[in-house]
């Protein structure tokens, strides 16, 4: 699934500015960042870009257009959120011990942990610089980064626990996933000169889309087709991840919760993951997760009601949201 046209448009507008920004780094961190972003091989040889989908920049550009401004006005916001996203990916790979991303070795696997940390920090600094002329935007991005860090911190803490409640997991996901998508909508609207209600509405929209995305992503992490997800079958269960479907069953109580809790607390290196997936599905976890994702999309759409926003941009936002939440499981 290639995605809606707005993703291609966002890449064409944001990538030149992103490349120009990354070139401001010192040679070592620049070369590492360019590798991570898919622009070069590890030896610096140029390659055809195969980076991310530019979902967050696309949301920033559409937010600007929704407020009546040209998409170009929000390019600094698009660059900023893409830099923050990639800062978080580089650091996530270190924390998770992942040695591969997008079918290539991760930064830390090639250059080591210290270099990965420093390059991630450098990208975060560049993101802040993008918004230096917009104090409100700087504060909004800073708030989003704090929420992202909070969510990641809680996610790491969950790894040491055998029981996590659904509300805790939702709060974690709102930070780790929702905060930057919320910032994308908010920053695009701010740089477009949108009114306070418009800025708040587009930020709320992004937050709910982020939660919907996470519900669907967690379904795919258990029941997804590896050919579609790029992850091994049952990957989230193999990692004993306290995902939204898992914690929804834990919070529901009963025999299913006890069985899943025993599995999470156990130390069997080769548990019967298909059996656990079956218990989760029989307990309604999969259907409930998809219903929750649909509910979040509905809340996102409601947030935009009653505002004088561009109908064309709203249609493209709806198309982008469908792309993010209707991936095949």
Protein backbone atom coordinates (compact mmCIF):
# COMPACT_ATOMS: atom_id res chain seq x y z
CA UNK A 1 0.00 0.00 0.00
CA UNK A 2 1.81 3.12 -1.25
CA UNK A 3 -0.28 5.60 0.67
CA UNK A 4 -2.28 8.70 -0.23
CA UNK A 5 -0.85 11.38 -2.56
CA UNK A 6 -0.28 13.78 0.35
CA UNK A 7 2.62 11.61 1.54
CA UNK A 8 4.43 12.02 -1.79
CA UNK A 9 3.67 15.73 -1.75
CA UNK A 10 4.96 16.07 1.81
CA UNK A 11 8.20 14.28 0.96
CA UNK A 12 8.77 16.48 -2.10
CA UNK A 13 8.28 19.66 -0.06
CA UNK A 14 10.03 18.67 3.16
CA UNK A 15 12.95 16.49 2.06
CA UNK A 16 15.00 19.26 0.37
CA UNK A 17 14.72 21.38 3.52
CA UNK A 18 15.48 18.33 5.67
CA UNK A 19 18.62 17.58 3.68
CA UNK A 20 19.73 21.21 3.92
CA UNK A 21 19.19 21.14 7.68
CA UNK A 22 21.11 17.89 8.25
CA UNK A 23 24.06 19.31 6.29
CA UNK A 24 24.50 21.80 9.14
CA UNK A 25 25.82 19.02 11.39
CA UNK A 26 29.49 18.24 11.85
CA UNK A 27 30.81 15.70 9.31
CA UNK A 28 30.62 12.66 11.61
CA UNK A 29 27.08 13.18 12.88
CA UNK A 30 25.95 14.31 9.43
CA UNK A 31 27.15 11.07 7.84
CA UNK A 32 25.44 8.97 10.51
CA UNK A 33 22.19 10.93 10.20
CA UNK A 34 22.22 10.65 6.41
CA UNK A 35 22.66 6.89 6.72
CA UNK A 36 19.80 6.60 9.21
CA UNK A 37 17.53 8.69 6.98
CA UNK A 38 18.20 6.32 4.09
CA UNK A 39 20.15 8.75 1.92
CA UNK A 40 23.51 6.98 2.02
CA UNK A 41 25.15 3.64 2.72
CA UNK A 42 27.26 3.30 5.86
CA UNK A 43 30.37 4.23 3.87
CA UNK A 44 28.75 7.44 2.65
CA UNK A 45 27.85 6.19 -0.83
CA UNK A 46 24.63 7.93 -1.97
CA UNK A 47 21.58 5.74 -2.40
CA UNK A 48 18.03 6.25 -3.53
CA UNK A 49 16.13 7.50 -0.51
CA UNK A 50 14.04 4.84 1.21
CA UNK A 51 13.30 6.61 4.47
CA UNK A 52 10.04 6.90 6.33
CA UNK A 53 6.61 7.67 4.97
CA UNK A 54 6.60 11.34 6.13
CA UNK A 55 3.30 10.91 7.98
CA UNK A 56 4.07 13.61 10.56
CA UNK A 57 5.23 16.21 8.01
CA UNK A 58 2.14 15.43 5.94
CA UNK A 59 -0.09 16.13 8.93
CA UNK A 60 1.74 19.43 9.58
CA UNK A 61 1.33 20.56 5.97
CA UNK A 62 -2.35 19.60 5.87
CA UNK A 63 -2.95 21.45 9.15
CA UNK A 64 -1.54 24.59 7.57
CA UNK A 65 -3.71 24.15 4.50
CA UNK A 66 -6.73 23.49 6.70
CA UNK A 67 -6.15 26.95 8.19
CA UNK A 68 -6.04 28.54 4.74
CA UNK A 69 -2.27 28.86 4.32
CA UNK A 70 -0.08 27.29 1.61
CA UNK A 71 1.62 24.05 2.63
CA UNK A 72 5.04 25.67 2.11
CA UNK A 73 4.41 27.85 5.14
CA UNK A 74 4.53 24.76 7.38
CA UNK A 75 7.71 23.21 5.93
CA UNK A 76 9.78 24.18 9.03
CA UNK A 77 7.18 22.37 11.16
CA UNK A 78 7.36 19.34 8.88
CA UNK A 79 11.15 19.27 9.13
CA UNK A 80 11.02 19.69 12.91
CA UNK A 81 8.61 16.83 13.57
CA UNK A 82 10.48 14.54 11.18
CA UNK A 83 13.75 15.27 12.98
CA UNK A 84 12.17 14.58 16.38
CA UNK A 85 10.65 11.37 15.05
CA UNK A 86 14.04 10.17 13.84
CA UNK A 87 15.77 11.25 17.06
CA UNK A 88 13.31 8.99 18.87
CA UNK A 89 13.85 6.09 16.45
CA UNK A 90 17.63 6.15 16.85
CA UNK A 91 17.32 6.17 20.63
CA UNK A 92 14.53 3.56 20.59
CA UNK A 93 16.76 1.16 18.68
CA UNK A 94 19.42 1.54 21.38
CA UNK A 95 16.95 0.98 24.23
CA UNK A 96 15.27 -1.97 22.53
CA UNK A 97 18.51 -3.54 21.32
CA UNK A 98 17.16 -3.65 17.76
CA UNK A 99 19.88 -4.32 15.21
CA UNK A 100 17.79 -3.73 12.08
CA UNK A 101 15.43 -1.00 10.85
CA UNK A 102 13.94 -0.83 7.37
CA UNK A 103 15.98 -3.90 6.44
CA UNK A 104 19.32 -2.24 7.27
CA UNK A 105 21.55 -2.30 10.35
CA UNK A 106 20.57 0.31 12.92
CA UNK A 107 22.83 3.24 13.76
CA UNK A 108 24.05 1.81 17.06
CA UNK A 109 24.74 -1.57 15.44
CA UNK A 110 27.08 0.13 12.96
CA UNK A 111 28.68 2.97 14.97
CA UNK A 112 28.03 1.96 18.58
CA UNK A 113 25.74 3.23 21.33
CA UNK A 114 27.57 6.49 22.17
CA UNK A 115 27.49 7.65 18.55
CA UNK A 116 23.80 6.75 18.23
CA UNK A 117 22.95 8.78 21.34
CA UNK A 118 24.91 11.79 20.12
CA UNK A 119 23.43 11.73 16.62
CA UNK A 120 19.93 11.46 18.03
CA UNK A 121 20.63 14.43 20.30
CA UNK A 122 21.95 16.39 17.32
CA UNK A 123 18.73 15.78 15.38
CA UNK A 124 16.67 16.98 18.34
CA UNK A 125 18.71 20.19 18.49
CA UNK A 126 18.18 20.79 14.78
CA UNK A 127 14.45 20.32 15.25
CA UNK A 128 14.33 23.08 17.85
CA UNK A 129 16.31 25.41 15.58
CA UNK A 130 13.71 25.02 12.83
CA UNK A 131 11.15 26.84 14.93
CA UNK A 132 13.41 29.49 16.47
CA UNK A 133 11.38 32.35 14.92
CA UNK A 134 8.12 31.00 16.36
CA UNK A 135 8.22 30.99 20.21
CA UNK A 136 4.79 29.35 20.55
CA UNK A 137 5.87 26.58 18.19
CA UNK A 138 9.10 26.03 20.14
CA UNK A 139 7.10 25.61 23.34
CA UNK A 140 4.64 23.26 21.64
CA UNK A 141 7.45 21.09 20.30
CA UNK A 142 9.19 21.06 23.67
CA UNK A 143 5.99 19.93 25.37
CA UNK A 144 5.57 17.15 22.80
CA UNK A 145 9.14 15.93 23.33
CA UNK A 146 8.62 15.82 27.09
CA UNK A 147 5.47 13.76 26.57
CA UNK A 148 7.29 11.46 24.13
CA UNK A 149 10.06 10.91 26.68
CA UNK A 150 7.50 10.26 29.42
CA UNK A 151 5.77 7.68 27.26
CA UNK A 152 9.02 5.96 26.38
CA UNK A 153 10.06 5.94 30.04
CA UNK A 154 6.79 4.28 31.03
CA UNK A 155 7.12 1.76 28.20
CA UNK A 156 10.55 0.75 29.50
CA UNK A 157 9.19 0.49 33.04
CA UNK A 158 6.43 -1.82 31.81
CA UNK A 159 9.07 -4.31 30.68
CA UNK A 160 9.96 -4.96 34.34
CA UNK A 161 6.33 -5.54 35.35
CA UNK A 162 4.16 -8.59 34.84
CA UNK A 163 0.87 -6.69 35.11
CA UNK A 164 -0.06 -3.38 33.48
CA UNK A 165 -3.54 -1.87 33.51
CA UNK A 166 -5.17 -0.62 30.31
CA UNK A 167 -5.38 2.98 31.51
CA UNK A 168 -1.65 2.96 32.17
CA UNK A 169 -0.98 1.62 28.71
CA UNK A 170 -3.23 4.23 27.12
CA UNK A 171 -1.39 7.01 28.94
CA UNK A 172 1.94 5.60 27.79
CA UNK A 173 0.76 5.40 24.16
CA UNK A 174 -0.62 8.94 24.30
CA UNK A 175 2.91 10.12 25.06
CA UNK A 176 5.01 7.77 23.00
CA UNK A 177 2.85 7.88 19.85
CA UNK A 178 0.14 10.50 20.22
CA UNK A 179 2.22 13.46 21.39
CA UNK A 180 4.24 13.96 18.21
CA UNK A 181 1.24 13.52 15.92
CA UNK A 182 -0.61 16.05 18.05
CA UNK A 183 2.35 18.40 17.73
CA UNK A 184 2.37 17.93 13.96
CA UNK A 185 -1.19 19.24 13.70
CA UNK A 186 -0.59 21.99 16.23
CA UNK A 187 2.67 23.23 14.68
CA UNK A 188 1.28 23.28 11.15
CA UNK A 189 -1.65 25.37 12.34
CA UNK A 190 0.58 27.71 14.36
CA UNK A 191 2.89 28.42 11.44
CA UNK A 192 -0.17 29.03 9.26
CA UNK A 193 -1.39 31.71 11.67
CA UNK A 194 -4.45 29.70 12.66
CA UNK A 195 -6.67 30.87 15.50
CA UNK A 196 -6.30 29.36 18.96
CA UNK A 197 -9.41 27.17 18.47
CA UNK A 198 -8.05 25.95 15.12
CA UNK A 199 -4.64 25.15 16.62
CA UNK A 200 -6.22 23.28 19.51
CA UNK A 201 -8.59 21.38 17.21
CA UNK A 202 -5.83 20.20 14.87
CA UNK A 203 -3.64 19.25 17.84
CA UNK A 204 -6.50 17.23 19.33
CA UNK A 205 -7.09 15.63 15.95
CA UNK A 206 -3.47 14.48 15.78
CA UNK A 207 -3.56 13.11 19.32
CA UNK A 208 -6.59 10.93 18.59
CA UNK A 209 -5.17 9.77 15.25
CA UNK A 210 -2.02 8.78 17.12
CA UNK A 211 -4.01 6.63 19.53
CA UNK A 212 -5.94 5.02 16.67
CA UNK A 213 -2.67 4.29 14.91
CA UNK A 214 -1.25 2.67 18.05
CA UNK A 215 -4.28 0.43 18.58
CA UNK A 216 -3.98 -0.82 15.00
CA UNK A 217 -0.21 -1.17 15.26
CA UNK A 218 -0.57 -3.30 18.38
CA UNK A 219 -3.07 -5.55 16.61
CA UNK A 220 -0.61 -6.02 13.77
CA UNK A 221 2.17 -6.75 16.27
CA UNK A 222 0.24 -9.85 17.37
CA UNK A 223 -1.92 -10.92 14.44
CA UNK A 224 -0.31 -9.14 11.48
CA UNK A 225 0.99 -10.78 8.33
CA UNK A 226 4.81 -10.53 8.33
CA UNK A 227 4.68 -9.82 4.59
CA UNK A 228 2.69 -6.68 5.40
CA UNK A 229 4.18 -5.62 8.74
CA UNK A 230 7.82 -6.49 8.10
CA UNK A 231 7.91 -8.05 11.58
CA UNK A 232 8.12 -11.73 12.50
CA UNK A 233 4.81 -13.42 13.26
CA UNK A 234 3.64 -12.85 16.87
CA UNK A 235 6.54 -10.40 17.34
CA UNK A 236 4.98 -8.37 20.17
CA UNK A 237 4.08 -11.53 22.09
CA UNK A 238 7.57 -12.90 21.65
CA UNK A 239 8.87 -9.70 23.27
CA UNK A 240 6.21 -9.99 26.03
CA UNK A 241 5.13 -6.46 25.13
CA UNK A 242 2.38 -5.01 27.31
CA UNK A 243 0.50 -3.70 24.31
CA UNK A 244 -3.00 -2.27 24.29
CA UNK A 245 -4.72 -5.58 23.39
CA UNK A 246 -2.78 -7.42 26.11
CA UNK A 247 -3.48 -4.85 28.81
CA UNK A 248 -7.15 -4.69 27.82
CA UNK A 249 -7.42 -8.39 28.68
CA UNK A 250 -5.43 -7.97 31.90
CA UNK A 251 -7.77 -5.17 32.98
CA UNK A 252 -10.84 -7.24 32.14
CA UNK A 253 -10.17 -9.81 34.83
CA UNK A 254 -11.35 -13.40 34.75
CA UNK A 255 -9.65 -16.58 33.57
CA UNK A 256 -8.15 -14.99 30.46
CA UNK A 257 -6.48 -12.25 32.51
CA UNK A 258 -5.04 -14.79 34.92
CA UNK A 259 -3.70 -16.95 32.10
CA UNK A 260 -2.11 -13.99 30.30
CA UNK A 261 -0.71 -12.71 33.61
CA UNK A 262 0.93 -16.07 34.33
CA UNK A 263 2.49 -16.06 30.86
CA UNK A 264 3.88 -12.53 31.33
CA UNK A 265 5.29 -13.40 34.75
CA UNK A 266 6.84 -16.66 33.57
CA UNK A 267 10.33 -17.30 32.30
CA UNK A 268 9.64 -19.94 29.66
CA UNK A 269 11.96 -18.98 26.77
CA UNK A 270 9.70 -20.72 24.21
CA UNK A 271 6.10 -20.27 25.36
CA UNK A 272 3.23 -21.36 23.15
CA UNK A 273 2.62 -17.96 21.60
CA UNK A 274 -0.13 -19.19 19.30
CA UNK A 275 -2.03 -20.36 22.38
CA UNK A 276 -1.59 -16.93 24.02
CA UNK A 277 -2.74 -15.19 20.83
CA UNK A 278 -5.79 -17.44 20.82
CA UNK A 279 -6.59 -16.62 24.44
CA UNK A 280 -6.35 -12.91 23.68
CA UNK A 281 -8.55 -13.21 20.60
CA UNK A 282 -11.14 -15.36 22.38
CA UNK A 283 -11.24 -12.74 25.15
CA UNK A 284 -12.14 -10.13 22.54
CA UNK A 285 -8.82 -8.28 22.50
CA UNK A 286 -8.52 -8.05 18.74
CA UNK A 287 -12.09 -6.89 18.10
CA UNK A 288 -11.96 -4.48 21.04
CA UNK A 289 -8.70 -2.96 19.79
CA UNK A 290 -10.09 -2.33 16.32
CA UNK A 291 -13.28 -0.88 17.81
CA UNK A 292 -11.19 1.44 20.00
CA UNK A 293 -9.21 2.54 16.95
CA UNK A 294 -12.45 3.38 15.14
CA UNK A 295 -13.64 5.30 18.22
CA UNK A 296 -10.43 7.35 18.28
CA UNK A 297 -10.89 8.21 14.60
CA UNK A 298 -14.42 9.35 15.36
CA UNK A 299 -13.13 11.55 18.19
CA UNK A 300 -10.48 12.96 15.84
CA UNK A 301 -13.10 13.89 13.27
CA UNK A 302 -15.37 15.45 15.89
CA UNK A 303 -12.50 17.67 17.04
CA UNK A 304 -12.53 19.41 13.65
CA UNK A 305 -16.26 20.08 13.58
CA UNK A 306 -17.45 23.66 13.88
CA UNK A 307 -14.22 25.27 12.65
CA UNK A 308 -13.74 27.23 9.44
CA UNK A 309 -11.28 24.78 7.91
CA UNK A 310 -10.53 24.02 4.27
CA UNK A 311 -12.77 21.24 2.99
CA UNK A 312 -10.06 20.03 0.61
CA UNK A 313 -7.54 19.74 3.45
CA UNK A 314 -10.09 17.97 5.63
CA UNK A 315 -10.69 15.42 2.88
CA UNK A 316 -6.94 14.77 2.64
CA UNK A 317 -6.68 14.46 6.41
CA UNK A 318 -9.44 11.86 6.33
CA UNK A 319 -7.62 9.96 3.58
CA UNK A 320 -4.35 10.05 5.55
CA UNK A 321 -6.13 8.78 8.65
CA UNK A 322 -7.72 5.91 6.75
CA UNK A 323 -4.28 4.93 5.47
CA UNK A 324 -2.86 4.88 9.00
CA UNK A 325 -5.73 2.92 10.55
CA UNK A 326 -6.79 0.48 7.84
CA UNK A 327 -3.57 -1.45 7.38
CA UNK A 328 -4.12 -5.13 6.76
CA UNK A 329 -3.91 -7.49 9.69
